[in-house]
Amino acid sequence: MKLSEIPKGAKVVLAEFGNTALHLQLLAMGVNPGSTVTLIRRMPLRGNLYLQIGTRRLVLRHAEAEQLLVAKSV
């Protein structure tokens, strides 16, 4: 499942990353595969997603969230 498809309030686990620029930036920020992700808020019309990843809060564009695969709910 893609991160962009999860419902508000859902807790999921990030799957393995690829080697794209987005994945490398997330790794540099300390976001690793296996991290727990909670969707806090979704902006309308395929807008940004406000996430909590571990202890960090982060905003991703919808297009970026489509690149990240997640596992089932925690």
C-alpha atoms as a PDB file:
ATOM      1  CA  MET A   1       0.000   0.000   0.000  1.00  0.00           C
ATOM      2  CA  LYS A   2       1.200   3.540  -0.701  1.00  0.00           C
ATOM      3  CA  LEU A   3       1.571   6.063   2.094  1.00  0.00           C
ATOM      4  CA  SER A   4      -0.732   8.439   0.194  1.00  0.00           C
ATOM      5  CA  GLU A   5      -3.600   5.908   0.495  1.00  0.00           C
ATOM      6  CA  ILE A   6      -3.768   5.490   4.276  1.00  0.00           C
ATOM      7  CA  PRO A   7      -6.703   7.031   6.190  1.00  0.00           C
ATOM      8  CA  LYS A   8      -6.350   9.798   8.752  1.00  0.00           C
ATOM      9  CA  GLY A   9      -5.226   8.507  12.140  1.00  0.00           C
ATOM     10  CA  ALA A  10      -3.891   5.240  10.727  1.00  0.00           C
ATOM     11  CA  LYS A  11      -0.600   3.854  12.030  1.00  0.00           C
ATOM     12  CA  VAL A  12       1.522   1.954   9.534  1.00  0.00           C
ATOM     13  CA  VAL A  13       5.124   0.787   9.181  1.00  0.00           C
ATOM     14  CA  LEU A  14       7.407   2.029   6.402  1.00  0.00           C
ATOM     15  CA  ALA A  15       8.570  -0.718   4.070  1.00  0.00           C
ATOM     16  CA  GLU A  16      12.014  -0.877   2.482  1.00  0.00           C
ATOM     17  CA  PHE A  17      13.327   2.173   0.630  1.00  0.00           C
ATOM     18  CA  GLY A  18      14.761   2.496  -2.840  1.00  0.00           C
ATOM     19  CA  ASN A  19      17.679   4.734  -3.832  1.00  0.00           C
ATOM     20  CA  THR A  20      15.781   7.785  -5.055  1.00  0.00           C
ATOM     21  CA  ALA A  21      16.567  11.305  -3.869  1.00  0.00           C
ATOM     22  CA  LEU A  22      13.477  11.284  -1.609  1.00  0.00           C
ATOM     23  CA  HIS A  23      14.511   8.071   0.106  1.00  0.00           C
ATOM     24  CA  LEU A  24      18.041   9.335   0.659  1.00  0.00           C
ATOM     25  CA  GLN A  25      16.725  12.588   2.169  1.00  0.00           C
ATOM     26  CA  LEU A  26      14.472  10.647   4.545  1.00  0.00           C
ATOM     27  CA  LEU A  27      17.378   8.435   5.587  1.00  0.00           C
ATOM     28  CA  ALA A  28      19.487  11.553   6.225  1.00  0.00           C
ATOM     29  CA  MET A  29      16.741  12.842   8.559  1.00  0.00           C
ATOM     30  CA  GLY A  30      16.789   9.581  10.497  1.00  0.00           C
ATOM     31  CA  VAL A  31      13.637   8.072   8.988  1.00  0.00           C
ATOM     32  CA  ASN A  32      14.395   4.396   8.468  1.00  0.00           C
ATOM     33  CA  PRO A  33      12.503   1.419   7.072  1.00  0.00           C
ATOM     34  CA  GLY A  34      10.486  -0.082   9.893  1.00  0.00           C
ATOM     35  CA  SER A  35       9.600   3.325  11.372  1.00  0.00           C
ATOM     36  CA  THR A  36       6.031   3.794  12.576  1.00  0.00           C
ATOM     37  CA  VAL A  37       4.084   6.449  10.640  1.00  0.00           C
ATOM     38  CA  THR A  38       0.853   8.112  11.773  1.00  0.00           C
ATOM     39  CA  LEU A  39      -1.176  10.306   9.423  1.00  0.00           C
ATOM     40  CA  ILE A  40      -2.211  13.356  11.446  1.00  0.00           C
ATOM     41  CA  ARG A  41      -3.770  15.545   8.762  1.00  0.00           C
ATOM     42  CA  ARG A  42      -4.410  15.420   5.021  1.00  0.00           C
ATOM     43  CA  MET A  43      -4.923  18.612   3.049  1.00  0.00           C
ATOM     44  CA  PRO A  44      -7.786  18.573   0.523  1.00  0.00           C
ATOM     45  CA  LEU A  45      -7.455  17.948  -3.204  1.00  0.00           C
ATOM     46  CA  ARG A  46      -4.388  15.691  -3.061  1.00  0.00           C
ATOM     47  CA  GLY A  47      -2.552  18.224  -0.929  1.00  0.00           C
ATOM     48  CA  ASN A  48       0.199  17.711   1.597  1.00  0.00           C
ATOM     49  CA  LEU A  49       0.178  15.014   4.263  1.00  0.00           C
ATOM     50  CA  TYR A  50       1.125  15.939   7.837  1.00  0.00           C
ATOM     51  CA  LEU A  51       2.776  12.884   9.403  1.00  0.00           C
ATOM     52  CA  GLN A  52       4.347  11.755  12.619  1.00  0.00           C
ATOM     53  CA  ILE A  53       7.249   9.391  11.976  1.00  0.00           C
ATOM     54  CA  GLY A  54       8.642   8.089  15.229  1.00  0.00           C
ATOM     55  CA  THR A  55       9.076  11.226  17.345  1.00  0.00           C
ATOM     56  CA  ARG A  56       9.345  13.608  14.358  1.00  0.00           C
ATOM     57  CA  ARG A  57       6.586  15.511  12.599  1.00  0.00           C
ATOM     58  CA  LEU A  58       6.948  15.927   8.872  1.00  0.00           C
ATOM     59  CA  VAL A  59       4.997  17.247   5.890  1.00  0.00           C
ATOM     60  CA  LEU A  60       5.191  15.399   2.559  1.00  0.00           C
ATOM     61  CA  ARG A  61       3.676  16.288  -0.773  1.00  0.00           C
ATOM     62  CA  HIS A  62       1.090  13.866  -2.102  1.00  0.00           C
ATOM     63  CA  ALA A  63       3.405  12.909  -4.988  1.00  0.00           C
ATOM     64  CA  GLU A  64       6.198  12.093  -2.520  1.00  0.00           C
ATOM     65  CA  ALA A  65       3.866  10.034  -0.343  1.00  0.00           C
ATOM     66  CA  GLU A  66       2.937   7.954  -3.400  1.00  0.00           C
ATOM     67  CA  GLN A  67       6.580   6.854  -3.676  1.00  0.00           C
ATOM     68  CA  LEU A  68       6.654   5.363  -0.172  1.00  0.00           C
ATOM     69  CA  LEU A  69       5.326   1.896   0.496  1.00  0.00           C
ATOM     70  CA  VAL A  70       3.952   0.952   3.893  1.00  0.00           C
ATOM     71  CA  ALA A  71       2.988  -2.277   5.599  1.00  0.00           C
ATOM     72  CA  LYS A  72      -0.286  -3.008   7.397  1.00  0.00           C
ATOM     73  CA  SER A  73      -1.487  -1.084  10.430  1.00  0.00           C
ATOM     74  CA  VAL A  74       0.362  -1.364  13.710  1.00  0.00           C
END
